[in-house]
Each structure stands twice: as structure tokens, then as C-alpha cells.
PDB file of N, CA and C in Angstrom:
ATOM      1  N   MET A   1     107.244 104.947  97.426  1.00  0.00           N
ATOM      2  CA  MET A   1     108.211 104.276  96.598  1.00  0.00           C
ATOM      3  C   MET A   1     107.642 102.957  96.073  1.00  0.00           C
ATOM      4  N   LEU A   2     106.873 102.265  96.906  1.00  0.00           N
ATOM      5  CA  LEU A   2     106.281 100.996  96.502  1.00  0.00           C
ATOM      6  C   LEU A   2     105.348 101.187  95.308  1.00  0.00           C
ATOM      7  N   LEU A   3     104.509 102.193  95.352  1.00  0.00           N
ATOM      8  CA  LEU A   3     103.554 102.418  94.269  1.00  0.00           C
ATOM      9  C   LEU A   3     104.265 102.796  92.976  1.00  0.00           C
ATOM     10  N   ALA A   4     105.233 103.693  93.059  1.00  0.00           N
ATOM     11  CA  ALA A   4     105.989 104.094  91.874  1.00  0.00           C
ATOM     12  C   ALA A   4     106.761 102.909  91.295  1.00  0.00           C
ATOM     13  N   ALA A   5     107.309 102.078  92.146  1.00  0.00           N
ATOM     14  CA  ALA A   5     108.063 100.916  91.680  1.00  0.00           C
ATOM     15  C   ALA A   5     107.176  99.896  90.976  1.00  0.00           C
ATOM     16  N   ASN A   6     105.865 100.008  91.209  1.00  0.00           N
ATOM     17  CA  ASN A   6     104.915  99.105  90.568  1.00  0.00           C
ATOM     18  C   ASN A   6     104.152  99.790  89.432  1.00  0.00           C
ATOM     19  N   GLY A   7     104.769 100.826  88.869  1.00  0.00           N
ATOM     20  CA  GLY A   7     104.251 101.441  87.657  1.00  0.00           C
ATOM     21  C   GLY A   7     103.172 102.490  87.839  1.00  0.00           C
ATOM     22  N   MET A   8     102.923 102.901  89.052  1.00  0.00           N
ATOM     23  CA  MET A   8     101.897 103.917  89.282  1.00  0.00           C
ATOM     24  C   MET A   8     102.529 105.298  89.270  1.00  0.00           C
ATOM     25  N   GLN A   9     101.791 106.244  88.724  1.00  0.00           N
ATOM     26  CA  GLN A   9     102.254 107.627  88.745  1.00  0.00           C
ATOM     27  C   GLN A   9     101.906 108.199  90.115  1.00  0.00           C
ATOM     28  N   VAL A  10     102.907 108.708  90.802  1.00  0.00           N
ATOM     29  CA  VAL A  10     102.744 109.169  92.178  1.00  0.00           C
ATOM     30  C   VAL A  10     103.159 110.625  92.287  1.00  0.00           C
ATOM     31  N   SER A  11     102.367 111.384  93.001  1.00  0.00           N
ATOM     32  CA  SER A  11     102.703 112.771  93.310  1.00  0.00           C
ATOM     33  C   SER A  11     102.740 112.884  94.825  1.00  0.00           C
ATOM     34  N   GLN A  12     103.803 113.460  95.354  1.00  0.00           N
ATOM     35  CA  GLN A  12     103.939 113.590  96.800  1.00  0.00           C
ATOM     36  C   GLN A  12     103.775 115.043  97.212  1.00  0.00           C
ATOM     37  N   CYS A  13     103.176 115.242  98.370  1.00  0.00           N
ATOM     38  CA  CYS A  13     103.025 116.577  98.939  1.00  0.00           C
ATOM     39  C   CYS A  13     103.604 116.569 100.345  1.00  0.00           C
ATOM     40  N   GLU A  14     104.121 117.715 100.762  1.00  0.00           N
ATOM     41  CA  GLU A  14     104.786 117.802 102.064  1.00  0.00           C
ATOM     42  C   GLU A  14     103.834 118.018 103.234  1.00  0.00           C
ATOM     43  N   SER A  15     102.578 118.362 102.933  1.00  0.00           N
ATOM     44  CA  SER A  15     101.623 118.619 104.013  1.00  0.00           C
ATOM     45  C   SER A  15     100.209 118.439 103.488  1.00  0.00           C
ATOM     46  N   GLY A  16      99.273 118.390 104.402  1.00  0.00           N
ATOM     47  CA  GLY A  16      97.868 118.316 104.017  1.00  0.00           C
ATOM     48  C   GLY A  16      97.433 119.553 103.251  1.00  0.00           C
ATOM     49  N   LYS A  17      97.925 120.704 103.661  1.00  0.00           N
ATOM     50  CA  LYS A  17      97.589 121.953 102.979  1.00  0.00           C
ATOM     51  C   LYS A  17      98.064 121.916 101.530  1.00  0.00           C
ATOM     52  N   ALA A  18      99.276 121.453 101.297  1.00  0.00           N
ATOM     53  CA  ALA A  18      99.813 121.352  99.933  1.00  0.00           C
ATOM     54  C   ALA A  18      99.025 120.328  99.119  1.00  0.00           C
ATOM     55  N   ALA A  19      98.633 119.233  99.744  1.00  0.00           N
ATOM     56  CA  ALA A  19      97.859 118.209  99.039  1.00  0.00           C
ATOM     57  C   ALA A  19      96.483 118.736  98.647  1.00  0.00           C
ATOM     58  N   LEU A  20      95.849 119.512  99.513  1.00  0.00           N
ATOM     59  CA  LEU A  20      94.546 120.096  99.177  1.00  0.00           C
ATOM     60  C   LEU A  20      94.666 121.063  98.013  1.00  0.00           C
ATOM     61  N   ALA A  21      95.745 121.838  97.980  1.00  0.00           N
ATOM     62  CA  ALA A  21      95.962 122.763  96.868  1.00  0.00           C
ATOM     63  C   ALA A  21      96.138 121.990  95.566  1.00  0.00           C
ATOM     64  N   GLU A  22      96.899 120.918  95.592  1.00  0.00           N
ATOM     65  CA  GLU A  22      97.090 120.108  94.385  1.00  0.00           C
ATOM     66  C   GLU A  22      95.780 119.452  93.966  1.00  0.00           C
ATOM     67  N   LEU A  23      95.030 118.975  94.904  1.00  0.00           N
ATOM     68  CA  LEU A  23      93.751 118.337  94.628  1.00  0.00           C
ATOM     69  C   LEU A  23      92.774 119.314  93.969  1.00  0.00           C
ATOM     70  N   ALA A  24      92.816 120.552  94.398  1.00  0.00           N
ATOM     71  CA  ALA A  24      91.917 121.573  93.842  1.00  0.00           C
ATOM     72  C   ALA A  24      92.259 121.917  92.405  1.00  0.00           C
ATOM     73  N   HIS A  25      93.497 121.707  92.002  1.00  0.00           N
ATOM     74  CA  HIS A  25      93.941 122.154  90.677  1.00  0.00           C
ATOM     75  C   HIS A  25      94.261 121.013  89.716  1.00  0.00           C
ATOM     76  N   SER A  26      93.970 119.772  90.079  1.00  0.00           N
ATOM     77  CA  SER A  26      94.312 118.645  89.218  1.00  0.00           C
ATOM     78  C   SER A  26      93.101 117.742  89.032  1.00  0.00           C
ATOM     79  N   ASN A  27      92.812 117.408  87.797  1.00  0.00           N
ATOM     80  CA  ASN A  27      91.726 116.470  87.513  1.00  0.00           C
ATOM     81  C   ASN A  27      92.237 115.050  87.317  1.00  0.00           C
ATOM     82  N   GLY A  28      93.544 114.858  87.322  1.00  0.00           N
ATOM     83  CA  GLY A  28      94.126 113.561  87.029  1.00  0.00           C
ATOM     84  C   GLY A  28      94.421 112.713  88.248  1.00  0.00           C
ATOM     85  N   ILE A  29      93.761 112.943  89.347  1.00  0.00           N
ATOM     86  CA  ILE A  29      94.028 112.187  90.575  1.00  0.00           C
ATOM     87  C   ILE A  29      92.987 111.080  90.710  1.00  0.00           C
ATOM     88  N   ASP A  30      93.460 109.829  90.765  1.00  0.00           N
ATOM     89  CA  ASP A  30      92.563 108.678  90.865  1.00  0.00           C
ATOM     90  C   ASP A  30      92.390 108.185  92.290  1.00  0.00           C
ATOM     91  N   LEU A  31      93.328 108.528  93.164  1.00  0.00           N
ATOM     92  CA  LEU A  31      93.299 108.044  94.539  1.00  0.00           C
ATOM     93  C   LEU A  31      94.246 108.880  95.378  1.00  0.00           C
ATOM     94  N   ILE A  32      93.862 109.115  96.617  1.00  0.00           N
ATOM     95  CA  ILE A  32      94.737 109.783  97.580  1.00  0.00           C
ATOM     96  C   ILE A  32      95.126 108.758  98.635  1.00  0.00           C
ATOM     97  N   VAL A  33      96.421 108.642  98.883  1.00  0.00           N
ATOM     98  CA  VAL A  33      96.930 107.818  99.971  1.00  0.00           C
ATOM     99  C   VAL A  33      97.649 108.774 100.912  1.00  0.00           C
ATOM    100  N   SER A  34      97.227 108.781 102.165  1.00  0.00           N
ATOM    101  CA  SER A  34      97.799 109.723 103.125  1.00  0.00           C
ATOM    102  C   SER A  34      97.982 109.045 104.471  1.00  0.00           C
ATOM    103  N   ASP A  35      98.963 109.506 105.188  1.00  0.00           N
ATOM    104  CA  ASP A  35      99.142 109.073 106.568  1.00  0.00           C
ATOM    105  C   ASP A  35      98.248 109.946 107.445  1.00  0.00           C
ATOM    106  N   VAL A  36      97.885 109.447 108.593  1.00  0.00           N
ATOM    107  CA  VAL A  36      97.114 110.253 109.534  1.00  0.00           C
ATOM    108  C   VAL A  36      98.004 111.320 110.156  1.00  0.00           C
ATOM    109  N   SER A  37      99.252 110.990 110.410  1.00  0.00           N
ATOM    110  CA  SER A  37     100.187 111.943 111.019  1.00  0.00           C
ATOM    111  C   SER A  37     100.899 112.721 109.930  1.00  0.00           C
ATOM    112  N   MET A  38     100.686 114.037 109.917  1.00  0.00           N
ATOM    113  CA  MET A  38     101.358 114.899 108.949  1.00  0.00           C
ATOM    114  C   MET A  38     101.352 116.334 109.453  1.00  0.00           C
ATOM    115  N   PRO A  39     102.202 117.180 108.865  1.00  0.00           N
ATOM    116  CA  PRO A  39     102.278 118.574 109.304  1.00  0.00           C
ATOM    117  C   PRO A  39     101.012 119.360 108.976  1.00  0.00           C
ATOM    118  N   GLU A  40     100.743 120.356 109.748  1.00  0.00           N
ATOM    119  CA  GLU A  40      99.702 121.374 109.548  1.00  0.00           C
ATOM    120  C   GLU A  40      98.285 120.915 109.856  1.00  0.00           C
ATOM    121  N   MET A  41      97.957 119.671 109.586  1.00  0.00           N
ATOM    122  CA  MET A  41      96.650 119.123 109.949  1.00  0.00           C
ATOM    123  C   MET A  41      96.780 117.609 109.988  1.00  0.00           C
ATOM    124  N   ASP A  42      95.943 116.975 110.794  1.00  0.00           N
ATOM    125  CA  ASP A  42      96.038 115.520 110.822  1.00  0.00           C
ATOM    126  C   ASP A  42      95.274 114.926 109.636  1.00  0.00           C
ATOM    127  N   GLY A  43      95.469 113.649 109.412  1.00  0.00           N
ATOM    128  CA  GLY A  43      94.868 112.986 108.271  1.00  0.00           C
ATOM    129  C   GLY A  43      93.356 112.938 108.315  1.00  0.00           C
ATOM    130  N   VAL A  44      92.763 112.900 109.508  1.00  0.00           N
ATOM    131  CA  VAL A  44      91.307 112.870 109.627  1.00  0.00           C
ATOM    132  C   VAL A  44      90.728 114.191 109.137  1.00  0.00           C
ATOM    133  N   GLU A  45      91.313 115.298 109.554  1.00  0.00           N
ATOM    134  CA  GLU A  45      90.867 116.612 109.071  1.00  0.00           C
ATOM    135  C   GLU A  45      91.126 116.735 107.572  1.00  0.00           C
ATOM    136  N   PHE A  46      92.297 116.277 107.131  1.00  0.00           N
ATOM    137  CA  PHE A  46      92.617 116.315 105.704  1.00  0.00           C
ATOM    138  C   PHE A  46      91.576 115.541 104.898  1.00  0.00           C
ATOM    139  N   ALA A  47      91.227 114.352 105.359  1.00  0.00           N
ATOM    140  CA  ALA A  47      90.260 113.518 104.640  1.00  0.00           C
ATOM    141  C   ALA A  47      88.914 114.223 104.517  1.00  0.00           C
ATOM    142  N   ALA A  48      88.459 114.830 105.601  1.00  0.00           N
ATOM    143  CA  ALA A  48      87.180 115.538 105.557  1.00  0.00           C
ATOM    144  C   ALA A  48      87.223 116.679 104.543  1.00  0.00           C
ATOM    145  N   ARG A  49      88.300 117.448 104.550  1.00  0.00           N
ATOM    146  CA  ARG A  49      88.429 118.569 103.612  1.00  0.00           C
ATOM    147  C   ARG A  49      88.603 118.093 102.184  1.00  0.00           C
ATOM    148  N   ALA A  50      89.324 117.004 101.989  1.00  0.00           N
ATOM    149  CA  ALA A  50      89.509 116.448 100.644  1.00  0.00           C
ATOM    150  C   ALA A  50      88.178 115.947 100.081  1.00  0.00           C
ATOM    151  N   HIS A  51      87.375 115.301 100.909  1.00  0.00           N
ATOM    152  CA  HIS A  51      86.062 114.813 100.464  1.00  0.00           C
ATOM    153  C   HIS A  51      85.131 115.965 100.100  1.00  0.00           C
ATOM    154  N   GLU A  52      85.211 117.065 100.837  1.00  0.00           N
ATOM    155  CA  GLU A  52      84.402 118.244 100.500  1.00  0.00           C
ATOM    156  C   GLU A  52      84.824 118.808  99.143  1.00  0.00           C
ATOM    157  N   LEU A  53      86.116 118.849  98.929  1.00  0.00           N
ATOM    158  CA  LEU A  53      86.678 119.429  97.718  1.00  0.00           C
ATOM    159  C   LEU A  53      86.461 118.534  96.496  1.00  0.00           C
ATOM    160  N   ARG A  54      86.716 117.253  96.655  1.00  0.00           N
ATOM    161  CA  ARG A  54      86.631 116.305  95.529  1.00  0.00           C
ATOM    162  C   ARG A  54      86.023 114.984  96.018  1.00  0.00           C
ATOM    163  N   PRO A  55      84.711 114.925  96.153  1.00  0.00           N
ATOM    164  CA  PRO A  55      84.084 113.691  96.645  1.00  0.00           C
ATOM    165  C   PRO A  55      84.252 112.503  95.704  1.00  0.00           C
ATOM    166  N   ASP A  56      84.660 112.762  94.461  1.00  0.00           N
ATOM    167  CA  ASP A  56      84.840 111.688  93.487  1.00  0.00           C
ATOM    168  C   ASP A  56      86.172 110.957  93.617  1.00  0.00           C
ATOM    169  N   VAL A  57      87.079 111.481  94.414  1.00  0.00           N
ATOM    170  CA  VAL A  57      88.406 110.873  94.554  1.00  0.00           C
ATOM    171  C   VAL A  57      88.456 110.070  95.857  1.00  0.00           C
ATOM    172  N   PRO A  58      88.639 108.748  95.761  1.00  0.00           N
ATOM    173  CA  PRO A  58      88.707 107.933  96.974  1.00  0.00           C
ATOM    174  C   PRO A  58      89.989 108.215  97.761  1.00  0.00           C
ATOM    175  N   LEU A  59      89.921 107.935  99.050  1.00  0.00           N
ATOM    176  CA  LEU A  59      91.032 108.254  99.935  1.00  0.00           C
ATOM    177  C   LEU A  59      91.336 107.068 100.839  1.00  0.00           C
ATOM    178  N   LEU A  60      92.606 106.752 100.937  1.00  0.00           N
ATOM    179  CA  LEU A  60      93.090 105.688 101.814  1.00  0.00           C
ATOM    180  C   LEU A  60      94.003 106.317 102.852  1.00  0.00           C
ATOM    181  N   LEU A  61      93.639 106.184 104.117  1.00  0.00           N
ATOM    182  CA  LEU A  61      94.450 106.722 105.205  1.00  0.00           C
ATOM    183  C   LEU A  61      95.199 105.593 105.896  1.00  0.00           C
ATOM    184  N   LEU A  62      96.479 105.830 106.103  1.00  0.00           N
ATOM    185  CA  LEU A  62      97.338 104.883 106.815  1.00  0.00           C
ATOM    186  C   LEU A  62      97.475 105.370 108.240  1.00  0.00           C
ATOM    187  N   THR A  63      97.254 104.490 109.190  1.00  0.00           N
ATOM    188  CA  THR A  63      97.316 104.891 110.587  1.00  0.00           C
ATOM    189  C   THR A  63      97.883 103.781 111.463  1.00  0.00           C
ATOM    190  N   GLY A  64      98.579 104.194 112.481  1.00  0.00           N
ATOM    191  CA  GLY A  64      99.060 103.268 113.493  1.00  0.00           C
ATOM    192  C   GLY A  64      98.149 103.232 114.699  1.00  0.00           C
ATOM    193  N   HIS A  65      97.050 103.968 114.638  1.00  0.00           N
ATOM    194  CA  HIS A  65      96.119 104.088 115.771  1.00  0.00           C
ATOM    195  C   HIS A  65      94.807 103.402 115.430  1.00  0.00           C
ATOM    196  N   ASP A  66      94.607 102.205 115.956  1.00  0.00           N
ATOM    197  CA  ASP A  66      93.380 101.488 115.622  1.00  0.00           C
ATOM    198  C   ASP A  66      92.133 102.219 116.109  1.00  0.00           C
ATOM    199  N   SER A  67      92.278 103.119 117.057  1.00  0.00           N
ATOM    200  CA  SER A  67      91.130 103.882 117.548  1.00  0.00           C
ATOM    201  C   SER A  67      90.606 104.872 116.504  1.00  0.00           C
ATOM    202  N   LEU A  68      91.395 105.195 115.481  1.00  0.00           N
ATOM    203  CA  LEU A  68      90.962 106.137 114.448  1.00  0.00           C
ATOM    204  C   LEU A  68      90.291 105.462 113.258  1.00  0.00           C
ATOM    205  N   VAL A  69      90.392 104.155 113.150  1.00  0.00           N
ATOM    206  CA  VAL A  69      89.881 103.464 111.968  1.00  0.00           C
ATOM    207  C   VAL A  69      88.390 103.703 111.776  1.00  0.00           C
ATOM    208  N   ASP A  70      87.590 103.569 112.827  1.00  0.00           N
ATOM    209  CA  ASP A  70      86.143 103.763 112.697  1.00  0.00           C
ATOM    210  C   ASP A  70      85.800 105.183 112.270  1.00  0.00           C
ATOM    211  N   GLU A  71      86.503 106.168 112.819  1.00  0.00           N
ATOM    212  CA  GLU A  71      86.258 107.570 112.455  1.00  0.00           C
ATOM    213  C   GLU A  71      86.585 107.811 110.985  1.00  0.00           C
ATOM    214  N   VAL A  72      87.672 107.252 110.530  1.00  0.00           N
ATOM    215  CA  VAL A  72      88.092 107.405 109.133  1.00  0.00           C
ATOM    216  C   VAL A  72      87.052 106.790 108.201  1.00  0.00           C
ATOM    217  N   ILE A  73      86.609 105.594 108.515  1.00  0.00           N
ATOM    218  CA  ILE A  73      85.630 104.900 107.680  1.00  0.00           C
ATOM    219  C   ILE A  73      84.290 105.635 107.706  1.00  0.00           C
ATOM    220  N   ALA A  74      83.903 106.169 108.851  1.00  0.00           N
ATOM    221  CA  ALA A  74      82.648 106.925 108.946  1.00  0.00           C
ATOM    222  C   ALA A  74      82.656 108.147 108.045  1.00  0.00           C
ATOM    223  N   GLN A  75      83.822 108.697 107.772  1.00  0.00           N
ATOM    224  CA  GLN A  75      83.932 109.855 106.883  1.00  0.00           C
ATOM    225  C   GLN A  75      83.914 109.463 105.414  1.00  0.00           C
ATOM    226  N   GLY A  76      83.944 108.169 105.126  1.00  0.00           N
ATOM    227  CA  GLY A  76      83.911 107.728 103.739  1.00  0.00           C
ATOM    228  C   GLY A  76      85.263 107.358 103.164  1.00  0.00           C
ATOM    229  N   SER A  77      86.277 107.295 103.985  1.00  0.00           N
ATOM    230  CA  SER A  77      87.604 106.896 103.531  1.00  0.00           C
ATOM    231  C   SER A  77      87.851 105.445 103.907  1.00  0.00           C
ATOM    232  N   MET A  78      88.845 104.855 103.285  1.00  0.00           N
ATOM    233  CA  MET A  78      89.319 103.535 103.686  1.00  0.00           C
ATOM    234  C   MET A  78      90.485 103.766 104.650  1.00  0.00           C
ATOM    235  N   ALA A  79      90.712 102.796 105.515  1.00  0.00           N
ATOM    236  CA  ALA A  79      91.823 102.899 106.462  1.00  0.00           C
ATOM    237  C   ALA A  79      92.628 101.604 106.424  1.00  0.00           C
ATOM    238  N   LEU A  80      93.923 101.761 106.533  1.00  0.00           N
ATOM    239  CA  LEU A  80      94.824 100.616 106.612  1.00  0.00           C
ATOM    240  C   LEU A  80      95.681 100.800 107.849  1.00  0.00           C
ATOM    241  N   LEU A  81      95.617  99.828 108.725  1.00  0.00           N
ATOM    242  CA  LEU A  81      96.327  99.897 109.997  1.00  0.00           C
ATOM    243  C   LEU A  81      97.782  99.487 109.807  1.00  0.00           C
ATOM    244  N   LYS A  82      98.687 100.336 110.320  1.00  0.00           N
ATOM    245  CA  LYS A  82     100.121 100.034 110.275  1.00  0.00           C
ATOM    246  C   LYS A  82     100.490  99.194 111.494  1.00  0.00           C
ATOM    247  N   PRO A  83     101.439  98.335 111.377  1.00  0.00           N
ATOM    248  CA  PRO A  83     102.208  97.999 110.179  1.00  0.00           C
ATOM    249  C   PRO A  83     101.384  97.089 109.270  1.00  0.00           C
ATOM    250  N   TYR A  84     101.678  97.142 107.994  1.00  0.00           N
ATOM    251  CA  TYR A  84     100.976  96.337 107.000  1.00  0.00           C
ATOM    252  C   TYR A  84     102.005  95.733 106.045  1.00  0.00           C
ATOM    253  N   GLU A  85     101.596  94.705 105.373  1.00  0.00           N
ATOM    254  CA  GLU A  85     102.449  94.085 104.366  1.00  0.00           C
ATOM    255  C   GLU A  85     102.375  94.930 103.095  1.00  0.00           C
ATOM    256  N   PRO A  86     103.492  95.189 102.439  1.00  0.00           N
ATOM    257  CA  PRO A  86     103.486  95.995 101.212  1.00  0.00           C
ATOM    258  C   PRO A  86     102.513  95.459 100.157  1.00  0.00           C
ATOM    259  N   GLU A  87     102.384  94.147 100.053  1.00  0.00           N
ATOM    260  CA  GLU A  87     101.475  93.559  99.072  1.00  0.00           C
ATOM    261  C   GLU A  87     100.030  93.920  99.374  1.00  0.00           C
ATOM    262  N   LEU A  88      99.694  94.051 100.642  1.00  0.00           N
ATOM    263  CA  LEU A  88      98.341  94.445 101.035  1.00  0.00           C
ATOM    264  C   LEU A  88      98.052  95.874 100.588  1.00  0.00           C
ATOM    265  N   LEU A  89      98.994  96.774 100.838  1.00  0.00           N
ATOM    266  CA  LEU A  89      98.824  98.164 100.398  1.00  0.00           C
ATOM    267  C   LEU A  89      98.691  98.219  98.880  1.00  0.00           C
ATOM    268  N   LEU A  90      99.560  97.547  98.177  1.00  0.00           N
ATOM    269  CA  LEU A  90      99.535  97.566  96.720  1.00  0.00           C
ATOM    270  C   LEU A  90      98.208  97.018  96.181  1.00  0.00           C
ATOM    271  N   GLY A  91      97.756  95.919  96.714  1.00  0.00           N
ATOM    272  CA  GLY A  91      96.488  95.333  96.268  1.00  0.00           C
ATOM    273  C   GLY A  91      95.310  96.233  96.544  1.00  0.00           C
ATOM    274  N   LEU A  92      95.281  96.852  97.706  1.00  0.00           N
ATOM    275  CA  LEU A  92      94.190  97.756  98.063  1.00  0.00           C
ATOM    276  C   LEU A  92      94.188  98.982  97.157  1.00  0.00           C
ATOM    277  N   VAL A  93      95.353  99.543  96.897  1.00  0.00           N
ATOM    278  CA  VAL A  93      95.457 100.706  96.012  1.00  0.00           C
ATOM    279  C   VAL A  93      94.979 100.340  94.610  1.00  0.00           C
ATOM    280  N   GLU A  94      95.430  99.204  94.089  1.00  0.00           N
ATOM    281  CA  GLU A  94      95.011  98.788  92.749  1.00  0.00           C
ATOM    282  C   GLU A  94      93.501  98.612  92.674  1.00  0.00           C
ATOM    283  N   GLU A  95      92.903  98.006  93.696  1.00  0.00           N
ATOM    284  CA  GLU A  95      91.453  97.798  93.731  1.00  0.00           C
ATOM    285  C   GLU A  95      90.701  99.130  93.798  1.00  0.00           C
ATOM    286  N   MET A  96      91.175 100.034  94.637  1.00  0.00           N
ATOM    287  CA  MET A  96      90.498 101.323  94.783  1.00  0.00           C
ATOM    288  C   MET A  96      90.600 102.162  93.504  1.00  0.00           C
ATOM    289  N   VAL A  97      91.750 102.142  92.856  1.00  0.00           N
ATOM    290  CA  VAL A  97      91.916 102.883  91.605  1.00  0.00           C
ATOM    291  C   VAL A  97      91.006 102.294  90.534  1.00  0.00           C
ATOM    292  N   ALA A  98      90.950 100.980  90.436  1.00  0.00           N
ATOM    293  CA  ALA A  98      90.090 100.335  89.432  1.00  0.00           C
ATOM    294  C   ALA A  98      88.628 100.710  89.646  1.00  0.00           C
ATOM    295  N   ARG A  99      88.174 100.681  90.899  1.00  0.00           N
ATOM    296  CA  ARG A  99      86.789 101.069  91.192  1.00  0.00           C
ATOM    297  C   ARG A  99      86.530 102.534  90.869  1.00  0.00           C
ATOM    298  N   SER A 100      87.504 103.389  91.178  1.00  0.00           N
ATOM    299  CA  SER A 100      87.365 104.813  90.901  1.00  0.00           C
ATOM    300  C   SER A 100      87.256 105.074  89.399  1.00  0.00           C
ATOM    301  N   LEU A 101      88.117 104.432  88.628  1.00  0.00           N
ATOM    302  CA  LEU A 101      88.095 104.610  87.173  1.00  0.00           C
ATOM    303  C   LEU A 101      86.800 104.058  86.579  1.00  0.00           C
ATOM    304  N   GLU A 102      86.338 102.931  87.093  1.00  0.00           N
ATOM    305  CA  GLU A 102      85.085 102.354  86.607  1.00  0.00           C
ATOM    306  C   GLU A 102      83.906 103.274  86.916  1.00  0.00           C
ATOM    307  N   ALA A 103      83.871 103.815  88.122  1.00  0.00           N
ATOM    308  CA  ALA A 103      82.781 104.724  88.500  1.00  0.00           C
ATOM    309  C   ALA A 103      82.770 105.966  87.621  1.00  0.00           C
ATOM    310  N   ARG A 104      83.935 106.485  87.316  1.00  0.00           N
ATOM    311  CA  ARG A 104      84.012 107.660  86.455  1.00  0.00           C
ATOM    312  C   ARG A 104      83.558 107.359  85.029  1.00  0.00           C
ATOM    313  N   SER A 105      83.892 106.173  84.549  1.00  0.00           N
ATOM    314  CA  SER A 105      83.553 105.838  83.160  1.00  0.00           C
ATOM    315  C   SER A 105      82.068 105.561  82.995  1.00  0.00           C
ATOM    316  N   THR A 106      81.377 105.188  84.078  1.00  0.00           N
ATOM    317  CA  THR A 106      79.953 104.889  83.985  1.00  0.00           C
ATOM    318  C   THR A 106      79.060 106.008  84.479  1.00  0.00           C
ATOM    319  N   SER A 107      79.654 107.038  85.080  1.00  0.00           N
ATOM    320  CA  SER A 107      78.825 108.135  85.598  1.00  0.00           C
ATOM    321  C   SER A 107      78.498 109.127  84.471  1.00  0.00           C
ATOM    322  N   PRO A 108      77.287 109.692  84.511  1.00  0.00           N
ATOM    323  CA  PRO A 108      76.936 110.690  83.500  1.00  0.00           C
ATOM    324  C   PRO A 108      77.763 111.953  83.689  1.00  0.00           C
ATOM    325  N   ARG A 109      78.100 112.575  82.593  1.00  0.00           N
ATOM    326  CA  ARG A 109      78.950 113.764  82.663  1.00  0.00           C
ATOM    327  C   ARG A 109      78.166 115.003  82.430  1.00  0.00           C
TER     328      ARG A 109
END
């Protein structure tokens, strides 16, 4: 709700499996924001599968478990430890999207 309220186009999925299916069929995704806790697979497994499928799309995982932060970062994702200030999430998302769009615009096609 925070991202949509700040003018970002947001698509929600009910599970990691549904998110992977959407990721496979959409080229318009600039960033994935996911919780570590979700149905069907945890966020760490989801992140690994998402990176295999679309390594060009950055991923931000939200977690309440500080023990998972290093594992998430080692996989190439960013991690934000809960609880967090909404402004921190918004700023991080804006920065990650800007970097993603810049990388796409400068990469050879």
C-alpha cells in the first residue's frame, strides 16, 4: 500500500509460485519486493529461483530474522530487517528501481 500510495505501479501475488509465474511472463518488472515468510516456499528459495529466471530484476527481501540477512545478500538480493520505518522502505525501493532502470538503459541489447 505504501508503494502504490507513492505513485508506484504495484502487482501483488499470493505466493512465491504465483510470483515466479508472473515474473516469467512479464517484461515490465523493475523490482521485486517480497517477504521471507510466504506460502508454498520461503523467500530465500523464492529469491534464488527468481534470480535464475530473471537475473536482471533486483530483489528486496523483508525479514524479521536477522540470521537470514547474510544468506539473502549472498544470493544477490537486498534485505531489509523488520520492523523498519516506511520512509526507509520507500527510499530503498526508489534507489533500487532507479539503478535497475539505469542499468537497463546502458546495457547492450
